[in-house]
PDB file of N, CA and C in Angstrom:
ATOM      1  N   MET A   1       0.844  -1.192   0.000  1.00  0.00           N
ATOM      2  CA  MET A   1       0.000   0.000   0.000  1.00  0.00           C
ATOM      3  C   MET A   1       0.881   1.244   0.000  1.00  0.00           C
ATOM      4  N   THR A   2       0.630   2.145  -0.904  1.00  0.00           N
ATOM      5  CA  THR A   2       1.409   3.373  -1.018  1.00  0.00           C
ATOM      6  C   THR A   2       0.727   4.489  -0.242  1.00  0.00           C
ATOM      7  N   GLN A   3       1.527   5.151   0.603  1.00  0.00           N
ATOM      8  CA  GLN A   3       0.976   6.277   1.358  1.00  0.00           C
ATOM      9  C   GLN A   3       1.283   7.577   0.622  1.00  0.00           C
ATOM     10  N   LYS A   4       0.335   8.455   0.622  1.00  0.00           N
ATOM     11  CA  LYS A   4       0.511   9.755  -0.022  1.00  0.00           C
ATOM     12  C   LYS A   4       0.857  10.780   1.058  1.00  0.00           C
ATOM     13  N   LEU A   5       1.959  11.464   0.876  1.00  0.00           N
ATOM     14  CA  LEU A   5       2.367  12.506   1.809  1.00  0.00           C
ATOM     15  C   LEU A   5       1.555  13.759   1.520  1.00  0.00           C
ATOM     16  N   THR A   6       0.879  14.256   2.527  1.00  0.00           N
ATOM     17  CA  THR A   6       0.066  15.461   2.388  1.00  0.00           C
ATOM     18  C   THR A   6       0.665  16.547   3.254  1.00  0.00           C
ATOM     19  N   LEU A   7       0.918  17.692   2.667  1.00  0.00           N
ATOM     20  CA  LEU A   7       1.441  18.831   3.413  1.00  0.00           C
ATOM     21  C   LEU A   7       0.304  19.422   4.227  1.00  0.00           C
ATOM     22  N   LEU A   8       0.401  19.281   5.548  1.00  0.00           N
ATOM     23  CA  LEU A   8      -0.673  19.746   6.417  1.00  0.00           C
ATOM     24  C   LEU A   8      -0.474  21.175   6.890  1.00  0.00           C
ATOM     25  N   PHE A   9       0.754  21.537   7.135  1.00  0.00           N
ATOM     26  CA  PHE A   9       1.008  22.848   7.727  1.00  0.00           C
ATOM     27  C   PHE A   9       1.994  23.617   6.865  1.00  0.00           C
ATOM     28  N   ASN A  10       1.498  24.690   6.297  1.00  0.00           N
ATOM     29  CA  ASN A  10       2.351  25.579   5.530  1.00  0.00           C
ATOM     30  C   ASN A  10       2.142  26.992   6.075  1.00  0.00           C
ATOM     31  N   GLU A  11       2.832  27.930   5.512  1.00  0.00           N
ATOM     32  CA  GLU A  11       2.751  29.308   6.002  1.00  0.00           C
ATOM     33  C   GLU A  11       1.331  29.862   5.958  1.00  0.00           C
ATOM     34  N   ALA A  12       0.595  29.547   4.914  1.00  0.00           N
ATOM     35  CA  ALA A  12      -0.771  30.074   4.782  1.00  0.00           C
ATOM     36  C   ALA A  12      -1.686  29.526   5.880  1.00  0.00           C
ATOM     37  N   ARG A  13      -1.595  28.232   6.163  1.00  0.00           N
ATOM     38  CA  ARG A  13      -2.452  27.645   7.200  1.00  0.00           C
ATOM     39  C   ARG A  13      -2.092  28.167   8.580  1.00  0.00           C
ATOM     40  N   LEU A  14      -0.802  28.276   8.858  1.00  0.00           N
ATOM     41  CA  LEU A  14      -0.401  28.793  10.168  1.00  0.00           C
ATOM     42  C   LEU A  14      -0.766  30.268  10.303  1.00  0.00           C
ATOM     43  N   SER A  15      -0.663  31.000   9.212  1.00  0.00           N
ATOM     44  CA  SER A  15      -1.061  32.404   9.228  1.00  0.00           C
ATOM     45  C   SER A  15      -2.555  32.531   9.508  1.00  0.00           C
ATOM     46  N   GLY A  16      -3.351  31.631   8.947  1.00  0.00           N
ATOM     47  CA  GLY A  16      -4.793  31.628   9.206  1.00  0.00           C
ATOM     48  C   GLY A  16      -5.100  31.365  10.674  1.00  0.00           C
ATOM     49  N   LEU A  17      -4.335  30.466  11.277  1.00  0.00           N
ATOM     50  CA  LEU A  17      -4.506  30.177  12.701  1.00  0.00           C
ATOM     51  C   LEU A  17      -4.185  31.410  13.540  1.00  0.00           C
ATOM     52  N   VAL A  18      -3.083  32.062  13.218  1.00  0.00           N
ATOM     53  CA  VAL A  18      -2.699  33.280  13.940  1.00  0.00           C
ATOM     54  C   VAL A  18      -3.753  34.367  13.762  1.00  0.00           C
ATOM     55  N   ASP A  19      -4.257  34.526  12.548  1.00  0.00           N
ATOM     56  CA  ASP A  19      -5.295  35.537  12.296  1.00  0.00           C
ATOM     57  C   ASP A  19      -6.554  35.245  13.110  1.00  0.00           C
ATOM     58  N   SER A  20      -6.949  33.969  13.177  1.00  0.00           N
ATOM     59  CA  SER A  20      -8.129  33.599  13.956  1.00  0.00           C
ATOM     60  C   SER A  20      -7.942  33.917  15.434  1.00  0.00           C
ATOM     61  N   LEU A  21      -6.776  33.575  15.957  1.00  0.00           N
ATOM     62  CA  LEU A  21      -6.507  33.872  17.365  1.00  0.00           C
ATOM     63  C   LEU A  21      -6.434  35.374  17.611  1.00  0.00           C
ATOM     64  N   ASP A  22      -5.887  36.103  16.662  1.00  0.00           N
ATOM     65  CA  ASP A  22      -5.819  37.556  16.791  1.00  0.00           C
ATOM     66  C   ASP A  22      -7.222  38.164  16.778  1.00  0.00           C
ATOM     67  N   ASP A  23      -8.083  37.654  15.896  1.00  0.00           N
ATOM     68  CA  ASP A  23      -9.479  38.129  15.853  1.00  0.00           C
ATOM     69  C   ASP A  23     -10.191  37.821  17.168  1.00  0.00           C
ATOM     70  N   LEU A  24      -9.958  36.633  17.706  1.00  0.00           N
ATOM     71  CA  LEU A  24     -10.552  36.259  18.985  1.00  0.00           C
ATOM     72  C   LEU A  24     -10.059  37.188  20.088  1.00  0.00           C
ATOM     73  N   HIS A  25      -8.765  37.441  20.104  1.00  0.00           N
ATOM     74  CA  HIS A  25      -8.207  38.334  21.116  1.00  0.00           C
ATOM     75  C   HIS A  25      -8.816  39.730  21.017  1.00  0.00           C
ATOM     76  N   THR A  26      -8.944  40.223  19.802  1.00  0.00           N
ATOM     77  CA  THR A  26      -9.526  41.552  19.598  1.00  0.00           C
ATOM     78  C   THR A  26     -10.956  41.600  20.126  1.00  0.00           C
ATOM     79  N   ALA A  27     -11.751  40.584  19.780  1.00  0.00           N
ATOM     80  CA  ALA A  27     -13.139  40.556  20.238  1.00  0.00           C
ATOM     81  C   ALA A  27     -13.214  40.504  21.762  1.00  0.00           C
ATOM     82  N   ILE A  28     -12.374  39.702  22.376  1.00  0.00           N
ATOM     83  CA  ILE A  28     -12.375  39.597  23.838  1.00  0.00           C
ATOM     84  C   ILE A  28     -11.970  40.918  24.470  1.00  0.00           C
ATOM     85  N   SER A  29     -10.917  41.533  23.934  1.00  0.00           N
ATOM     86  CA  SER A  29     -10.445  42.794  24.522  1.00  0.00           C
ATOM     87  C   SER A  29     -11.449  43.926  24.343  1.00  0.00           C
ATOM     88  N   GLU A  30     -12.322  43.818  23.341  1.00  0.00           N
ATOM     89  CA  GLU A  30     -13.365  44.824  23.113  1.00  0.00           C
ATOM     90  C   GLU A  30     -14.682  44.463  23.794  1.00  0.00           C
ATOM     91  N   GLY A  31     -14.683  43.376  24.565  1.00  0.00           N
ATOM     92  CA  GLY A  31     -15.889  42.972  25.282  1.00  0.00           C
ATOM     93  C   GLY A  31     -16.941  42.317  24.404  1.00  0.00           C
ATOM     94  N   ARG A  32     -16.543  41.747  23.263  1.00  0.00           N
ATOM     95  CA  ARG A  32     -17.491  41.142  22.328  1.00  0.00           C
ATOM     96  C   ARG A  32     -17.379  39.622  22.290  1.00  0.00           C
ATOM     97  N   THR A  33     -16.937  39.018  23.371  1.00  0.00           N
ATOM     98  CA  THR A  33     -16.715  37.569  23.393  1.00  0.00           C
ATOM     99  C   THR A  33     -17.961  36.798  22.990  1.00  0.00           C
ATOM    100  N   ARG A  34     -19.111  37.170  23.539  1.00  0.00           N
ATOM    101  CA  ARG A  34     -20.353  36.442  23.258  1.00  0.00           C
ATOM    102  C   ARG A  34     -20.782  36.560  21.796  1.00  0.00           C
ATOM    103  N   GLN A  35     -20.276  37.580  21.096  1.00  0.00           N
ATOM    104  CA  GLN A  35     -20.623  37.756  19.685  1.00  0.00           C
ATOM    105  C   GLN A  35     -19.814  36.827  18.777  1.00  0.00           C
ATOM    106  N   VAL A  36     -18.673  36.319  19.274  1.00  0.00           N
ATOM    107  CA  VAL A  36     -17.802  35.526  18.407  1.00  0.00           C
ATOM    108  C   VAL A  36     -17.714  34.055  18.789  1.00  0.00           C
ATOM    109  N   THR A  37     -18.270  33.689  19.966  1.00  0.00           N
ATOM    110  CA  THR A  37     -18.245  32.283  20.364  1.00  0.00           C
ATOM    111  C   THR A  37     -19.405  31.961  21.293  1.00  0.00           C
ATOM    112  N   SER A  38     -19.854  30.720  21.201  1.00  0.00           N
ATOM    113  CA  SER A  38     -20.891  30.253  22.119  1.00  0.00           C
ATOM    114  C   SER A  38     -20.280  29.507  23.307  1.00  0.00           C
ATOM    115  N   LEU A  39     -18.961  29.392  23.326  1.00  0.00           N
ATOM    116  CA  LEU A  39     -18.282  28.729  24.440  1.00  0.00           C
ATOM    117  C   LEU A  39     -18.367  29.575  25.700  1.00  0.00           C
ATOM    118  N   THR A  40     -18.425  28.897  26.839  1.00  0.00           N
ATOM    119  CA  THR A  40     -18.355  29.636  28.104  1.00  0.00           C
ATOM    120  C   THR A  40     -16.934  30.137  28.288  1.00  0.00           C
ATOM    121  N   ASP A  41     -16.757  31.055  29.216  1.00  0.00           N
ATOM    122  CA  ASP A  41     -15.406  31.548  29.494  1.00  0.00           C
ATOM    123  C   ASP A  41     -14.491  30.402  29.912  1.00  0.00           C
ATOM    124  N   ALA A  42     -15.011  29.473  30.717  1.00  0.00           N
ATOM    125  CA  ALA A  42     -14.205  28.332  31.175  1.00  0.00           C
ATOM    126  C   ALA A  42     -13.820  27.427  29.996  1.00  0.00           C
ATOM    127  N   GLU A  43     -14.767  27.181  29.095  1.00  0.00           N
ATOM    128  CA  GLU A  43     -14.462  26.346  27.930  1.00  0.00           C
ATOM    129  C   GLU A  43     -13.438  27.020  27.016  1.00  0.00           C
ATOM    130  N   LEU A  44     -13.638  28.296  26.762  1.00  0.00           N
ATOM    131  CA  LEU A  44     -12.721  29.041  25.903  1.00  0.00           C
ATOM    132  C   LEU A  44     -11.324  29.086  26.512  1.00  0.00           C
ATOM    133  N   THR A  45     -11.260  29.335  27.806  1.00  0.00           N
ATOM    134  CA  THR A  45      -9.973  29.365  28.492  1.00  0.00           C
ATOM    135  C   THR A  45      -9.292  27.994  28.399  1.00  0.00           C
ATOM    136  N   GLY A  46     -10.060  26.934  28.560  1.00  0.00           N
ATOM    137  CA  GLY A  46      -9.509  25.585  28.441  1.00  0.00           C
ATOM    138  C   GLY A  46      -8.917  25.335  27.063  1.00  0.00           C
ATOM    139  N   TRP A  47      -9.648  25.744  26.021  1.00  0.00           N
ATOM    140  CA  TRP A  47      -9.136  25.582  24.658  1.00  0.00           C
ATOM    141  C   TRP A  47      -7.867  26.411  24.440  1.00  0.00           C
ATOM    142  N   LEU A  48      -7.848  27.623  24.952  1.00  0.00           N
ATOM    143  CA  LEU A  48      -6.666  28.470  24.773  1.00  0.00           C
ATOM    144  C   LEU A  48      -5.453  27.893  25.501  1.00  0.00           C
ATOM    145  N   TYR A  49      -5.672  27.370  26.716  1.00  0.00           N
ATOM    146  CA  TYR A  49      -4.571  26.702  27.420  1.00  0.00           C
ATOM    147  C   TYR A  49      -4.072  25.489  26.637  1.00  0.00           C
ATOM    148  N   GLU A  50      -4.987  24.754  26.033  1.00  0.00           N
ATOM    149  CA  GLU A  50      -4.605  23.590  25.225  1.00  0.00           C
ATOM    150  C   GLU A  50      -3.758  24.013  24.030  1.00  0.00           C
ATOM    151  N   LEU A  51      -4.148  25.101  23.366  1.00  0.00           N
ATOM    152  CA  LEU A  51      -3.365  25.614  22.241  1.00  0.00           C
ATOM    153  C   LEU A  51      -1.969  26.036  22.677  1.00  0.00           C
ATOM    154  N   VAL A  52      -1.888  26.729  23.810  1.00  0.00           N
ATOM    155  CA  VAL A  52      -0.583  27.160  24.321  1.00  0.00           C
ATOM    156  C   VAL A  52       0.273  25.946  24.658  1.00  0.00           C
ATOM    157  N   TYR A  53      -0.320  24.946  25.303  1.00  0.00           N
ATOM    158  CA  TYR A  53       0.408  23.730  25.664  1.00  0.00           C
ATOM    159  C   TYR A  53       0.950  23.044  24.411  1.00  0.00           C
ATOM    160  N   LEU A  54       0.090  22.856  23.412  1.00  0.00           N
ATOM    161  CA  LEU A  54       0.513  22.165  22.199  1.00  0.00           C
ATOM    162  C   LEU A  54       1.591  22.942  21.451  1.00  0.00           C
ATOM    163  N   ALA A  55       1.460  24.254  21.394  1.00  0.00           N
ATOM    164  CA  ALA A  55       2.476  25.074  20.733  1.00  0.00           C
ATOM    165  C   ALA A  55       3.810  24.984  21.477  1.00  0.00           C
ATOM    166  N   THR A  56       3.759  25.030  22.798  1.00  0.00           N
ATOM    167  CA  THR A  56       4.971  24.931  23.605  1.00  0.00           C
ATOM    168  C   THR A  56       5.642  23.574  23.413  1.00  0.00           C
ATOM    169  N   GLU A  57       4.847  22.520  23.391  1.00  0.00           N
ATOM    170  CA  GLU A  57       5.390  21.175  23.178  1.00  0.00           C
ATOM    171  C   GLU A  57       6.014  21.050  21.782  1.00  0.00           C
ATOM    172  N   ALA A  58       5.373  21.609  20.773  1.00  0.00           N
ATOM    173  CA  ALA A  58       5.914  21.549  19.413  1.00  0.00           C
ATOM    174  C   ALA A  58       7.258  22.285  19.343  1.00  0.00           C
ATOM    175  N   ILE A  59       7.340  23.446  19.978  1.00  0.00           N
ATOM    176  CA  ILE A  59       8.597  24.205  20.011  1.00  0.00           C
ATOM    177  C   ILE A  59       9.682  23.397  20.714  1.00  0.00           C
ATOM    178  N   SER A  60       9.322  22.773  21.813  1.00  0.00           N
ATOM    179  CA  SER A  60      10.262  21.952  22.566  1.00  0.00           C
ATOM    180  C   SER A  60      10.766  20.779  21.720  1.00  0.00           C
ATOM    181  N   GLU A  61       9.876  20.126  20.998  1.00  0.00           N
ATOM    182  CA  GLU A  61      10.274  19.003  20.139  1.00  0.00           C
ATOM    183  C   GLU A  61      11.203  19.459  19.025  1.00  0.00           C
ATOM    184  N   ILE A  62      10.908  20.588  18.416  1.00  0.00           N
ATOM    185  CA  ILE A  62      11.777  21.118  17.356  1.00  0.00           C
ATOM    186  C   ILE A  62      13.165  21.394  17.921  1.00  0.00           C
ATOM    187  N   SER A  63      13.233  22.040  19.076  1.00  0.00           N
ATOM    188  CA  SER A  63      14.528  22.341  19.704  1.00  0.00           C
ATOM    189  C   SER A  63      15.281  21.060  20.033  1.00  0.00           C
ATOM    190  N   HIS A  64      14.578  20.068  20.565  1.00  0.00           N
ATOM    191  CA  HIS A  64      15.191  18.788  20.920  1.00  0.00           C
ATOM    192  C   HIS A  64      15.772  18.106  19.684  1.00  0.00           C
ATOM    193  N   GLN A  65      15.012  18.094  18.593  1.00  0.00           N
ATOM    194  CA  GLN A  65      15.476  17.466  17.360  1.00  0.00           C
ATOM    195  C   GLN A  65      16.678  18.195  16.784  1.00  0.00           C
ATOM    196  N   GLN A  66      16.681  19.528  16.879  1.00  0.00           N
ATOM    197  CA  GLN A  66      17.822  20.299  16.385  1.00  0.00           C
ATOM    198  C   GLN A  66      19.070  19.994  17.200  1.00  0.00           C
ATOM    199  N   GLN A  67      18.908  19.895  18.511  1.00  0.00           N
ATOM    200  CA  GLN A  67      20.044  19.577  19.379  1.00  0.00           C
ATOM    201  C   GLN A  67      20.587  18.190  19.080  1.00  0.00           C
ATOM    202  N   GLN A  68      19.710  17.237  18.826  1.00  0.00           N
ATOM    203  CA  GLN A  68      20.148  15.880  18.519  1.00  0.00           C
ATOM    204  C   GLN A  68      20.910  15.838  17.204  1.00  0.00           C
ATOM    205  N   SER A  69      20.434  16.559  16.207  1.00  0.00           N
ATOM    206  CA  SER A  69      21.111  16.530  14.908  1.00  0.00           C
ATOM    207  C   SER A  69      22.456  17.245  14.976  1.00  0.00           C
ATOM    208  N   GLU A  70      22.576  18.249  15.820  1.00  0.00           N
ATOM    209  CA  GLU A  70      23.851  18.950  15.982  1.00  0.00           C
ATOM    210  C   GLU A  70      24.826  18.127  16.815  1.00  0.00           C
ATOM    211  N   ALA A  71      24.307  17.299  17.715  1.00  0.00           N
ATOM    212  CA  ALA A  71      25.151  16.526  18.617  1.00  0.00           C
ATOM    213  C   ALA A  71      25.640  15.232  17.987  1.00  0.00           C
ATOM    214  N   ALA A  72      25.140  14.870  16.850  1.00  0.00           N
ATOM    215  CA  ALA A  72      25.533  13.617  16.211  1.00  0.00           C
ATOM    216  C   ALA A  72      26.452  13.902  15.023  1.00  0.00           C
ATOM    217  N   PRO A  73      27.758  13.981  15.291  1.00  0.00           N
ATOM    218  CA  PRO A  73      28.678  14.259  14.189  1.00  0.00           C
ATOM    219  C   PRO A  73      28.787  13.056  13.253  1.00  0.00           C
ATOM    220  N   LEU A  74      29.116  13.350  12.028  1.00  0.00           N
ATOM    221  CA  LEU A  74      29.322  12.279  11.057  1.00  0.00           C
ATOM    222  C   LEU A  74      30.627  11.572  11.364  1.00  0.00           C
ATOM    223  N   GLN A  75      30.654  10.278  11.135  1.00  0.00           N
ATOM    224  CA  GLN A  75      31.869   9.498  11.368  1.00  0.00           C
ATOM    225  C   GLN A  75      32.252   8.810  10.061  1.00  0.00           C
ATOM    226  N   VAL A  76      33.565   8.744   9.837  1.00  0.00           N
ATOM    227  CA  VAL A  76      34.069   8.033   8.672  1.00  0.00           C
ATOM    228  C   VAL A  76      34.177   6.574   9.046  1.00  0.00           C
ATOM    229  N   VAL A  77      33.559   5.736   8.248  1.00  0.00           N
ATOM    230  CA  VAL A  77      33.603   4.294   8.474  1.00  0.00           C
ATOM    231  C   VAL A  77      34.535   3.697   7.428  1.00  0.00           C
ATOM    232  N   PRO A  78      35.550   2.958   7.908  1.00  0.00           N
ATOM    233  CA  PRO A  78      36.489   2.388   6.924  1.00  0.00           C
ATOM    234  C   PRO A  78      35.801   1.400   5.991  1.00  0.00           C
ATOM    235  N   LYS A  79      36.202   1.427   4.748  1.00  0.00           N
ATOM    236  CA  LYS A  79      35.627   0.539   3.762  1.00  0.00           C
ATOM    237  C   LYS A  79      36.155  -0.873   4.005  1.00  0.00           C
ATOM    238  N   SER A  80      35.246  -1.820   4.022  1.00  0.00           N
ATOM    239  CA  SER A  80      35.705  -3.191   4.214  1.00  0.00           C
ATOM    240  C   SER A  80      36.256  -3.713   2.899  1.00  0.00           C
ATOM    241  N   GLU A  81      37.318  -4.478   3.027  1.00  0.00           N
ATOM    242  CA  GLU A  81      37.956  -5.022   1.809  1.00  0.00           C
ATOM    243  C   GLU A  81      37.348  -6.369   1.497  1.00  0.00           C
ATOM    244  N   ALA A  82      37.112  -6.611   0.231  1.00  0.00           N
ATOM    245  CA  ALA A  82      36.559  -7.896  -0.200  1.00  0.00           C
ATOM    246  C   ALA A  82      37.593  -8.981  -0.056  1.00  0.00           C
ATOM    247  N   SER A  83      37.199 -10.165   0.368  1.00  0.00           N
ATOM    248  CA  SER A  83      38.129 -11.280   0.546  1.00  0.00           C
ATOM    249  C   SER A  83      38.406 -11.982  -0.747  1.00  0.00           C
TER     250      SER A  83
END
């Protein structure tokens, strides 16, 4: 079975996410929360904490992977001679 690689996250999609969060922030700061969501304050806060957690974890994983790739120097392996 052949798997098809699908690009899930590109600059446009991440920009859309940032724009949505920015719009939400603007509405909340202007006192229009009820106009933009039917979630309770507790539900909305829970979702926002989840987003922050996931973003923080993703950043941590990227940093960890970068450190691992920098810490693994290439080694020259001697060529085995045929008998």
